[in-house]
PDB file of N, CA and C in Angstrom:
ATOM      1  N   MET A   1       0.857  -1.176   0.000  1.00  0.00           N
ATOM      2  CA  MET A   1       0.000   0.000   0.000  1.00  0.00           C
ATOM      3  C   MET A   1       0.897   1.231   0.000  1.00  0.00           C
ATOM      4  N   GLY A   2       0.572   2.212  -0.835  1.00  0.00           N
ATOM      5  CA  GLY A   2       1.362   3.419  -0.937  1.00  0.00           C
ATOM      6  C   GLY A   2       1.220   4.297   0.292  1.00  0.00           C
ATOM      7  N   LYS A   3       2.171   5.219   0.462  1.00  0.00           N
ATOM      8  CA  LYS A   3       2.162   6.112   1.624  1.00  0.00           C
ATOM      9  C   LYS A   3       0.917   6.987   1.665  1.00  0.00           C
ATOM     10  N   LYS A   4       0.503   7.507   0.497  1.00  0.00           N
ATOM     11  CA  LYS A   4      -0.675   8.381   0.459  1.00  0.00           C
ATOM     12  C   LYS A   4      -1.942   7.632   0.843  1.00  0.00           C
ATOM     13  N   LYS A   5      -2.093   6.406   0.324  1.00  0.00           N
ATOM     14  CA  LYS A   5      -3.288   5.621   0.622  1.00  0.00           C
ATOM     15  C   LYS A   5      -3.316   5.238   2.103  1.00  0.00           C
ATOM     16  N   LYS A   6      -2.155   4.889   2.646  1.00  0.00           N
ATOM     17  CA  LYS A   6      -2.080   4.523   4.055  1.00  0.00           C
ATOM     18  C   LYS A   6      -2.427   5.729   4.940  1.00  0.00           C
ATOM     19  N   ALA A   7      -1.917   6.909   4.575  1.00  0.00           N
ATOM     20  CA  ALA A   7      -2.218   8.127   5.323  1.00  0.00           C
ATOM     21  C   ALA A   7      -3.706   8.460   5.250  1.00  0.00           C
ATOM     22  N   ALA A   8      -4.302   8.278   4.073  1.00  0.00           N
ATOM     23  CA  ALA A   8      -5.738   8.546   3.911  1.00  0.00           C
ATOM     24  C   ALA A   8      -6.564   7.587   4.768  1.00  0.00           C
ATOM     25  N   ASN A   9      -6.183   6.315   4.827  1.00  0.00           N
ATOM     26  CA  ASN A   9      -6.901   5.342   5.662  1.00  0.00           C
ATOM     27  C   ASN A   9      -6.783   5.693   7.137  1.00  0.00           C
ATOM     28  N   GLU A  10      -5.608   6.149   7.565  1.00  0.00           N
ATOM     29  CA  GLU A  10      -5.416   6.557   8.959  1.00  0.00           C
ATOM     30  C   GLU A  10      -6.282   7.763   9.296  1.00  0.00           C
ATOM     31  N   LEU A  11      -6.373   8.709   8.361  1.00  0.00           N
ATOM     32  CA  LEU A  11      -7.199   9.896   8.565  1.00  0.00           C
ATOM     33  C   LEU A  11      -8.676   9.509   8.691  1.00  0.00           C
ATOM     34  N   LYS A  12      -9.135   8.584   7.872  1.00  0.00           N
ATOM     35  CA  LYS A  12     -10.516   8.109   7.952  1.00  0.00           C
ATOM     36  C   LYS A  12     -10.790   7.491   9.318  1.00  0.00           C
ATOM     37  N   LYS A  13      -9.853   6.684   9.805  1.00  0.00           N
ATOM     38  CA  LYS A  13     -10.013   6.054  11.121  1.00  0.00           C
ATOM     39  C   LYS A  13     -10.115   7.104  12.217  1.00  0.00           C
ATOM     40  N   LYS A  14      -9.317   8.168  12.132  1.00  0.00           N
ATOM     41  CA  LYS A  14      -9.350   9.246  13.133  1.00  0.00           C
ATOM     42  C   LYS A  14     -10.708   9.940  13.133  1.00  0.00           C
ATOM     43  N   PHE A  15     -11.253  10.236  11.932  1.00  0.00           N
ATOM     44  CA  PHE A  15     -12.576  10.851  11.840  1.00  0.00           C
ATOM     45  C   PHE A  15     -13.632   9.981  12.517  1.00  0.00           C
ATOM     46  N   LEU A  16     -13.558   8.676  12.306  1.00  0.00           N
ATOM     47  CA  LEU A  16     -14.530   7.760  12.901  1.00  0.00           C
ATOM     48  C   LEU A  16     -14.389   7.711  14.416  1.00  0.00           C
ATOM     49  N   GLU A  17     -13.167   7.816  14.922  1.00  0.00           N
ATOM     50  CA  GLU A  17     -12.932   7.785  16.366  1.00  0.00           C
ATOM     51  C   GLU A  17     -13.397   9.064  17.044  1.00  0.00           C
ATOM     52  N   ILE A  18     -13.231  10.205  16.367  1.00  0.00           N
ATOM     53  CA  ILE A  18     -13.512  11.506  16.968  1.00  0.00           C
ATOM     54  C   ILE A  18     -15.008  11.717  17.220  1.00  0.00           C
ATOM     55  N   GLY A  19     -15.837  11.410  16.253  1.00  0.00           N
ATOM     56  CA  GLY A  19     -17.259  11.733  16.388  1.00  0.00           C
ATOM     57  C   GLY A  19     -18.143  10.589  15.982  1.00  0.00           C
ATOM     58  N   ASP A  20     -19.408  10.857  16.031  1.00  0.00           N
ATOM     59  CA  ASP A  20     -20.409   9.872  15.635  1.00  0.00           C
ATOM     60  C   ASP A  20     -20.698   9.994  14.152  1.00  0.00           C
ATOM     61  N   ILE A  21     -19.678   9.827  13.345  1.00  0.00           N
ATOM     62  CA  ILE A  21     -19.832   9.906  11.904  1.00  0.00           C
ATOM     63  C   ILE A  21     -20.061   8.496  11.377  1.00  0.00           C
ATOM     64  N   PRO A  22     -21.143   8.254  10.659  1.00  0.00           N
ATOM     65  CA  PRO A  22     -21.375   6.919  10.103  1.00  0.00           C
ATOM     66  C   PRO A  22     -20.245   6.492   9.178  1.00  0.00           C
ATOM     67  N   LYS A  23     -19.845   5.237   9.278  1.00  0.00           N
ATOM     68  CA  LYS A  23     -18.734   4.717   8.473  1.00  0.00           C
ATOM     69  C   LYS A  23     -18.933   4.935   6.981  1.00  0.00           C
ATOM     70  N   GLU A  24     -20.170   4.770   6.508  1.00  0.00           N
ATOM     71  CA  GLU A  24     -20.400   4.861   5.068  1.00  0.00           C
ATOM     72  C   GLU A  24     -20.153   6.263   4.509  1.00  0.00           C
ATOM     73  N   LEU A  25     -20.138   7.291   5.378  1.00  0.00           N
ATOM     74  CA  LEU A  25     -19.852   8.645   4.913  1.00  0.00           C
ATOM     75  C   LEU A  25     -18.361   8.877   4.720  1.00  0.00           C
ATOM     76  N   VAL A  26     -17.548   8.169   5.474  1.00  0.00           N
ATOM     77  CA  VAL A  26     -16.108   8.365   5.429  1.00  0.00           C
ATOM     78  C   VAL A  26     -15.427   7.325   4.539  1.00  0.00           C
ATOM     79  N   THR A  27     -15.971   6.131   4.500  1.00  0.00           N
ATOM     80  CA  THR A  27     -15.388   5.063   3.689  1.00  0.00           C
ATOM     81  C   THR A  27     -16.204   4.884   2.423  1.00  0.00           C
ATOM     82  N   SER A  28     -15.789   3.958   1.597  1.00  0.00           N
ATOM     83  CA  SER A  28     -16.531   3.684   0.364  1.00  0.00           C
ATOM     84  C   SER A  28     -17.551   2.563   0.552  1.00  0.00           C
ATOM     85  N   ASN A  29     -17.758   2.133   1.802  1.00  0.00           N
ATOM     86  CA  ASN A  29     -18.720   1.061   2.065  1.00  0.00           C
ATOM     87  C   ASN A  29     -20.142   1.485   1.722  1.00  0.00           C
ATOM     88  N   SER A  30     -20.925   0.517   1.289  1.00  0.00           N
ATOM     89  CA  SER A  30     -22.333   0.763   1.006  1.00  0.00           C
ATOM     90  C   SER A  30     -23.155   0.483   2.255  1.00  0.00           C
ATOM     91  N   ARG A  31     -24.259   1.201   2.373  1.00  0.00           N
ATOM     92  CA  ARG A  31     -25.207   0.959   3.461  1.00  0.00           C
ATOM     93  C   ARG A  31     -26.443   0.359   2.822  1.00  0.00           C
ATOM     94  N   MET A  32     -26.865  -0.814   3.338  1.00  0.00           N
ATOM     95  CA  MET A  32     -28.017  -1.511   2.784  1.00  0.00           C
ATOM     96  C   MET A  32     -29.065  -1.723   3.864  1.00  0.00           C
ATOM     97  N   VAL A  33     -30.324  -1.462   3.501  1.00  0.00           N
ATOM     98  CA  VAL A  33     -31.426  -1.629   4.443  1.00  0.00           C
ATOM     99  C   VAL A  33     -32.525  -2.425   3.755  1.00  0.00           C
ATOM    100  N   LEU A  34     -32.946  -3.491   4.408  1.00  0.00           N
ATOM    101  CA  LEU A  34     -34.058  -4.313   3.919  1.00  0.00           C
ATOM    102  C   LEU A  34     -35.229  -4.114   4.859  1.00  0.00           C
ATOM    103  N   LEU A  35     -36.366  -3.709   4.324  1.00  0.00           N
ATOM    104  CA  LEU A  35     -37.571  -3.500   5.110  1.00  0.00           C
ATOM    105  C   LEU A  35     -38.571  -4.575   4.727  1.00  0.00           C
ATOM    106  N   GLY A  36     -38.746  -5.552   5.624  1.00  0.00           N
ATOM    107  CA  GLY A  36     -39.609  -6.692   5.311  1.00  0.00           C
ATOM    108  C   GLY A  36     -39.055  -7.432   4.115  1.00  0.00           C
ATOM    109  N   ASN A  37     -39.944  -7.846   3.234  1.00  0.00           N
ATOM    110  CA  ASN A  37     -39.489  -8.489   1.995  1.00  0.00           C
ATOM    111  C   ASN A  37     -39.944  -7.701   0.770  1.00  0.00           C
ATOM    112  N   SER A  38     -40.228  -6.397   0.990  1.00  0.00           N
ATOM    113  CA  SER A  38     -40.768  -5.619  -0.131  1.00  0.00           C
ATOM    114  C   SER A  38     -40.000  -4.343  -0.456  1.00  0.00           C
ATOM    115  N   GLU A  39     -39.056  -3.926   0.382  1.00  0.00           N
ATOM    116  CA  GLU A  39     -38.312  -2.704   0.110  1.00  0.00           C
ATOM    117  C   GLU A  39     -36.843  -2.899   0.458  1.00  0.00           C
ATOM    118  N   PHE A  40     -35.971  -2.444  -0.433  1.00  0.00           N
ATOM    119  CA  PHE A  40     -34.529  -2.540  -0.237  1.00  0.00           C
ATOM    120  C   PHE A  40     -33.897  -1.235  -0.683  1.00  0.00           C
ATOM    121  N   THR A  41     -33.053  -0.672   0.174  1.00  0.00           N
ATOM    122  CA  THR A  41     -32.357   0.561  -0.154  1.00  0.00           C
ATOM    123  C   THR A  41     -30.855   0.316  -0.057  1.00  0.00           C
ATOM    124  N   ILE A  42     -30.120   0.827  -1.018  1.00  0.00           N
ATOM    125  CA  ILE A  42     -28.664   0.779  -0.962  1.00  0.00           C
ATOM    126  C   ILE A  42     -28.137   2.182  -1.198  1.00  0.00           C
ATOM    127  N   GLU A  43     -27.256   2.628  -0.309  1.00  0.00           N
ATOM    128  CA  GLU A  43     -26.629   3.939  -0.423  1.00  0.00           C
ATOM    129  C   GLU A  43     -25.161   3.736  -0.757  1.00  0.00           C
ATOM    130  N   ASN A  44     -24.615   4.635  -1.532  1.00  0.00           N
ATOM    131  CA  ASN A  44     -23.208   4.609  -1.912  1.00  0.00           C
ATOM    132  C   ASN A  44     -22.906   3.449  -2.858  1.00  0.00           C
ATOM    133  N   PHE A  45     -23.635   3.392  -3.955  1.00  0.00           N
ATOM    134  CA  PHE A  45     -23.386   2.384  -4.989  1.00  0.00           C
ATOM    135  C   PHE A  45     -22.777   3.083  -6.195  1.00  0.00           C
ATOM    136  N   SER A  46     -22.204   2.303  -7.112  1.00  0.00           N
ATOM    137  CA  SER A  46     -21.535   2.948  -8.238  1.00  0.00           C
ATOM    138  C   SER A  46     -22.192   2.694  -9.591  1.00  0.00           C
ATOM    139  N   GLY A  47     -23.156   1.760  -9.673  1.00  0.00           N
ATOM    140  CA  GLY A  47     -23.822   1.557 -10.948  1.00  0.00           C
ATOM    141  C   GLY A  47     -24.758   0.368 -10.946  1.00  0.00           C
ATOM    142  N   ILE A  48     -25.620   0.331 -11.954  1.00  0.00           N
ATOM    143  CA  ILE A  48     -26.536  -0.795 -12.146  1.00  0.00           C
ATOM    144  C   ILE A  48     -25.972  -1.643 -13.278  1.00  0.00           C
ATOM    145  N   ILE A  49     -25.730  -2.906 -12.987  1.00  0.00           N
ATOM    146  CA  ILE A  49     -25.164  -3.819 -13.976  1.00  0.00           C
ATOM    147  C   ILE A  49     -26.266  -4.484 -14.780  1.00  0.00           C
ATOM    148  N   GLU A  50     -27.335  -4.904 -14.105  1.00  0.00           N
ATOM    149  CA  GLU A  50     -28.441  -5.602 -14.758  1.00  0.00           C
ATOM    150  C   GLU A  50     -29.743  -5.198 -14.077  1.00  0.00           C
ATOM    151  N   TYR A  51     -30.795  -5.010 -14.873  1.00  0.00           N
ATOM    152  CA  TYR A  51     -32.085  -4.606 -14.317  1.00  0.00           C
ATOM    153  C   TYR A  51     -33.198  -5.353 -15.034  1.00  0.00           C
ATOM    154  N   GLU A  52     -33.792  -6.315 -14.348  1.00  0.00           N
ATOM    155  CA  GLU A  52     -34.948  -7.062 -14.834  1.00  0.00           C
ATOM    156  C   GLU A  52     -35.963  -7.135 -13.696  1.00  0.00           C
ATOM    157  N   THR A  53     -37.186  -7.552 -13.979  1.00  0.00           N
ATOM    158  CA  THR A  53     -38.208  -7.613 -12.934  1.00  0.00           C
ATOM    159  C   THR A  53     -37.970  -8.752 -11.942  1.00  0.00           C
ATOM    160  N   THR A  54     -37.051  -9.664 -12.254  1.00  0.00           N
ATOM    161  CA  THR A  54     -36.745 -10.773 -11.343  1.00  0.00           C
ATOM    162  C   THR A  54     -35.327 -10.716 -10.788  1.00  0.00           C
ATOM    163  N   ASN A  55     -34.519  -9.792 -11.285  1.00  0.00           N
ATOM    164  CA  ASN A  55     -33.111  -9.774 -10.920  1.00  0.00           C
ATOM    165  C   ASN A  55     -32.522  -8.380 -11.129  1.00  0.00           C
ATOM    166  N   ILE A  56     -31.899  -7.818 -10.097  1.00  0.00           N
ATOM    167  CA  ILE A  56     -31.215  -6.536 -10.217  1.00  0.00           C
ATOM    168  C   ILE A  56     -29.807  -6.713  -9.667  1.00  0.00           C
ATOM    169  N   LYS A  57     -28.803  -6.358 -10.475  1.00  0.00           N
ATOM    170  CA  LYS A  57     -27.407  -6.430 -10.042  1.00  0.00           C
ATOM    171  C   LYS A  57     -26.876  -5.012  -9.909  1.00  0.00           C
ATOM    172  N   ILE A  58     -26.307  -4.720  -8.730  1.00  0.00           N
ATOM    173  CA  ILE A  58     -25.859  -3.372  -8.402  1.00  0.00           C
ATOM    174  C   ILE A  58     -24.376  -3.421  -8.038  1.00  0.00           C
ATOM    175  N   LYS A  59     -23.579  -2.562  -8.660  1.00  0.00           N
ATOM    176  CA  LYS A  59     -22.149  -2.491  -8.383  1.00  0.00           C
ATOM    177  C   LYS A  59     -21.907  -1.562  -7.204  1.00  0.00           C
ATOM    178  N   CYS A  60     -21.136  -2.045  -6.224  1.00  0.00           N
ATOM    179  CA  CYS A  60     -20.732  -1.207  -5.101  1.00  0.00           C
ATOM    180  C   CYS A  60     -19.257  -1.485  -4.798  1.00  0.00           C
ATOM    181  N   ALA A  61     -18.691  -0.752  -3.880  1.00  0.00           N
ATOM    182  CA  ALA A  61     -17.255  -0.869  -3.595  1.00  0.00           C
ATOM    183  C   ALA A  61     -16.870  -2.270  -3.116  1.00  0.00           C
ATOM    184  N   ASN A  62     -17.768  -2.958  -2.438  1.00  0.00           N
ATOM    185  CA  ASN A  62     -17.474  -4.282  -1.884  1.00  0.00           C
ATOM    186  C   ASN A  62     -17.672  -5.404  -2.885  1.00  0.00           C
ATOM    187  N   GLY A  63     -18.261  -5.126  -4.019  1.00  0.00           N
ATOM    188  CA  GLY A  63     -18.528  -6.147  -5.020  1.00  0.00           C
ATOM    189  C   GLY A  63     -19.828  -5.870  -5.746  1.00  0.00           C
ATOM    190  N   VAL A  64     -20.602  -6.933  -5.968  1.00  0.00           N
ATOM    191  CA  VAL A  64     -21.876  -6.822  -6.678  1.00  0.00           C
ATOM    192  C   VAL A  64     -22.987  -7.338  -5.771  1.00  0.00           C
ATOM    193  N   VAL A  65     -24.027  -6.522  -5.588  1.00  0.00           N
ATOM    194  CA  VAL A  65     -25.207  -6.919  -4.820  1.00  0.00           C
ATOM    195  C   VAL A  65     -26.242  -7.423  -5.810  1.00  0.00           C
ATOM    196  N   ILE A  66     -26.760  -8.622  -5.556  1.00  0.00           N
ATOM    197  CA  ILE A  66     -27.761  -9.226  -6.436  1.00  0.00           C
ATOM    198  C   ILE A  66     -29.070  -9.345  -5.663  1.00  0.00           C
ATOM    199  N   VAL A  67     -30.090  -8.638  -6.140  1.00  0.00           N
ATOM    200  CA  VAL A  67     -31.428  -8.704  -5.545  1.00  0.00           C
ATOM    201  C   VAL A  67     -32.270  -9.567  -6.464  1.00  0.00           C
ATOM    202  N   THR A  68     -32.837 -10.638  -5.907  1.00  0.00           N
ATOM    203  CA  THR A  68     -33.672 -11.558  -6.681  1.00  0.00           C
ATOM    204  C   THR A  68     -35.075 -11.522  -6.108  1.00  0.00           C
ATOM    205  N   GLY A  69     -36.089 -11.561  -6.989  1.00  0.00           N
ATOM    206  CA  GLY A  69     -37.462 -11.535  -6.518  1.00  0.00           C
ATOM    207  C   GLY A  69     -38.462 -11.536  -7.647  1.00  0.00           C
ATOM    208  N   LYS A  70     -39.638 -10.984  -7.361  1.00  0.00           N
ATOM    209  CA  LYS A  70     -40.719 -10.895  -8.343  1.00  0.00           C
ATOM    210  C   LYS A  70     -41.196  -9.455  -8.415  1.00  0.00           C
ATOM    211  N   ASP A  71     -41.536  -9.008  -9.613  1.00  0.00           N
ATOM    212  CA  ASP A  71     -42.054  -7.652  -9.838  1.00  0.00           C
ATOM    213  C   ASP A  71     -41.145  -6.577  -9.245  1.00  0.00           C
ATOM    214  N   LEU A  72     -39.832  -6.749  -9.384  1.00  0.00           N
ATOM    215  CA  LEU A  72     -38.891  -5.775  -8.841  1.00  0.00           C
ATOM    216  C   LEU A  72     -38.872  -4.520  -9.710  1.00  0.00           C
ATOM    217  N   SER A  73     -38.768  -3.373  -9.050  1.00  0.00           N
ATOM    218  CA  SER A  73     -38.654  -2.112  -9.769  1.00  0.00           C
ATOM    219  C   SER A  73     -37.789  -1.156  -8.969  1.00  0.00           C
ATOM    220  N   ILE A  74     -37.150  -0.257  -9.683  1.00  0.00           N
ATOM    221  CA  ILE A  74     -36.375   0.798  -9.047  1.00  0.00           C
ATOM    222  C   ILE A  74     -37.271   2.024  -9.014  1.00  0.00           C
ATOM    223  N   ASN A  75     -37.654   2.443  -7.798  1.00  0.00           N
ATOM    224  CA  ASN A  75     -38.604   3.544  -7.667  1.00  0.00           C
ATOM    225  C   ASN A  75     -37.943   4.896  -7.478  1.00  0.00           C
ATOM    226  N   GLU A  76     -36.779   4.942  -6.869  1.00  0.00           N
ATOM    227  CA  GLU A  76     -36.062   6.193  -6.704  1.00  0.00           C
ATOM    228  C   GLU A  76     -34.615   5.929  -7.050  1.00  0.00           C
ATOM    229  N   LEU A  77     -34.009   6.861  -7.703  1.00  0.00           N
ATOM    230  CA  LEU A  77     -32.609   6.720  -8.046  1.00  0.00           C
ATOM    231  C   LEU A  77     -31.946   8.073  -7.896  1.00  0.00           C
ATOM    232  N   GLY A  78     -31.136   8.213  -6.860  1.00  0.00           N
ATOM    233  CA  GLY A  78     -30.382   9.445  -6.662  1.00  0.00           C
ATOM    234  C   GLY A  78     -28.973   9.233  -7.167  1.00  0.00           C
ATOM    235  N   ASN A  79     -28.105  10.182  -6.890  1.00  0.00           N
ATOM    236  CA  ASN A  79     -26.714  10.053  -7.319  1.00  0.00           C
ATOM    237  C   ASN A  79     -26.034   8.849  -6.682  1.00  0.00           C
ATOM    238  N   GLU A  80     -26.362   8.576  -5.430  1.00  0.00           N
ATOM    239  CA  GLU A  80     -25.722   7.470  -4.727  1.00  0.00           C
ATOM    240  C   GLU A  80     -26.713   6.586  -3.989  1.00  0.00           C
ATOM    241  N   ASP A  81     -28.008   6.784  -4.186  1.00  0.00           N
ATOM    242  CA  ASP A  81     -29.042   6.010  -3.498  1.00  0.00           C
ATOM    243  C   ASP A  81     -29.914   5.279  -4.506  1.00  0.00           C
ATOM    244  N   LEU A  82     -30.276   4.049  -4.154  1.00  0.00           N
ATOM    245  CA  LEU A  82     -31.126   3.229  -5.016  1.00  0.00           C
ATOM    246  C   LEU A  82     -32.200   2.587  -4.151  1.00  0.00           C
ATOM    247  N   PHE A  83     -33.454   2.661  -4.587  1.00  0.00           N
ATOM    248  CA  PHE A  83     -34.591   2.144  -3.832  1.00  0.00           C
ATOM    249  C   PHE A  83     -35.304   1.104  -4.682  1.00  0.00           C
ATOM    250  N   VAL A  84     -35.346  -0.136  -4.199  1.00  0.00           N
ATOM    251  CA  VAL A  84     -35.964  -1.243  -4.932  1.00  0.00           C
ATOM    252  C   VAL A  84     -37.250  -1.664  -4.221  1.00  0.00           C
ATOM    253  N   LYS A  85     -38.324  -1.849  -4.994  1.00  0.00           N
ATOM    254  CA  LYS A  85     -39.592  -2.355  -4.456  1.00  0.00           C
ATOM    255  C   LYS A  85     -39.977  -3.610  -5.216  1.00  0.00           C
ATOM    256  N   GLY A  86     -40.776  -4.443  -4.569  1.00  0.00           N
ATOM    257  CA  GLY A  86     -41.246  -5.687  -5.168  1.00  0.00           C
ATOM    258  C   GLY A  86     -41.199  -6.783  -4.116  1.00  0.00           C
ATOM    259  N   LYS A  87     -41.405  -8.011  -4.531  1.00  0.00           N
ATOM    260  CA  LYS A  87     -41.308  -9.140  -3.601  1.00  0.00           C
ATOM    261  C   LYS A  87     -39.863  -9.645  -3.640  1.00  0.00           C
ATOM    262  N   ILE A  88     -39.117  -9.318  -2.590  1.00  0.00           N
ATOM    263  CA  ILE A  88     -37.698  -9.671  -2.538  1.00  0.00           C
ATOM    264  C   ILE A  88     -37.555 -11.067  -1.939  1.00  0.00           C
ATOM    265  N   LEU A  89     -36.923 -11.952  -2.708  1.00  0.00           N
ATOM    266  CA  LEU A  89     -36.716 -13.329  -2.264  1.00  0.00           C
ATOM    267  C   LEU A  89     -35.323 -13.556  -1.698  1.00  0.00           C
ATOM    268  N   SER A  90     -34.315 -12.853  -2.246  1.00  0.00           N
ATOM    269  CA  SER A  90     -32.951 -13.003  -1.718  1.00  0.00           C
ATOM    270  C   SER A  90     -32.093 -11.806  -2.098  1.00  0.00           C
ATOM    271  N   ILE A  91     -31.059 -11.599  -1.276  1.00  0.00           N
ATOM    272  CA  ILE A  91     -30.054 -10.573  -1.533  1.00  0.00           C
ATOM    273  C   ILE A  91     -28.702 -11.235  -1.321  1.00  0.00           C
ATOM    274  N   GLU A  92     -27.833 -11.135  -2.320  1.00  0.00           N
ATOM    275  CA  GLU A  92     -26.516 -11.756  -2.246  1.00  0.00           C
ATOM    276  C   GLU A  92     -25.445 -10.692  -2.486  1.00  0.00           C
ATOM    277  N   LEU A  93     -24.255 -10.939  -1.929  1.00  0.00           N
ATOM    278  CA  LEU A  93     -23.111 -10.087  -2.188  1.00  0.00           C
ATOM    279  C   LEU A  93     -22.009 -10.937  -2.776  1.00  0.00           C
ATOM    280  N   GLU A  94     -21.632 -10.634  -4.012  1.00  0.00           N
ATOM    281  CA  GLU A  94     -20.511 -11.308  -4.674  1.00  0.00           C
ATOM    282  C   GLU A  94     -19.303 -10.407  -4.532  1.00  0.00           C
ATOM    283  N   GLU A  95     -18.289 -10.873  -3.830  1.00  0.00           N
ATOM    284  CA  GLU A  95     -17.082 -10.078  -3.666  1.00  0.00           C
ATOM    285  C   GLU A  95     -16.242 -10.143  -4.915  1.00  0.00           C
ATOM    286  N   GLU A  96     -15.530  -9.068  -5.182  1.00  0.00           N
ATOM    287  CA  GLU A  96     -14.660  -9.033  -6.364  1.00  0.00           C
ATOM    288  C   GLU A  96     -13.231  -9.198  -5.957  1.00  0.00           C
TER     289      GLU A  96
END
């Protein structure tokens, strides 16, 4: 790991120690929330790889999130937020 990257990681750790700053704001980690089996939100994603009514693949820093279900739809799409509705049967994370 280069000196600059190591210094940046140390700085991120200090920010997290100092205050109540959520990790996903300082790191590139995604925040995922599943509400029942009908709503799924992911924050801090980088793109949509595949979008079908039975399968949605979302690229994030940790890998690829695969949402499988029935009648899936993307209802809100912000710069870094994605909101999925439908009957969610499974959520998987494929690491890269």
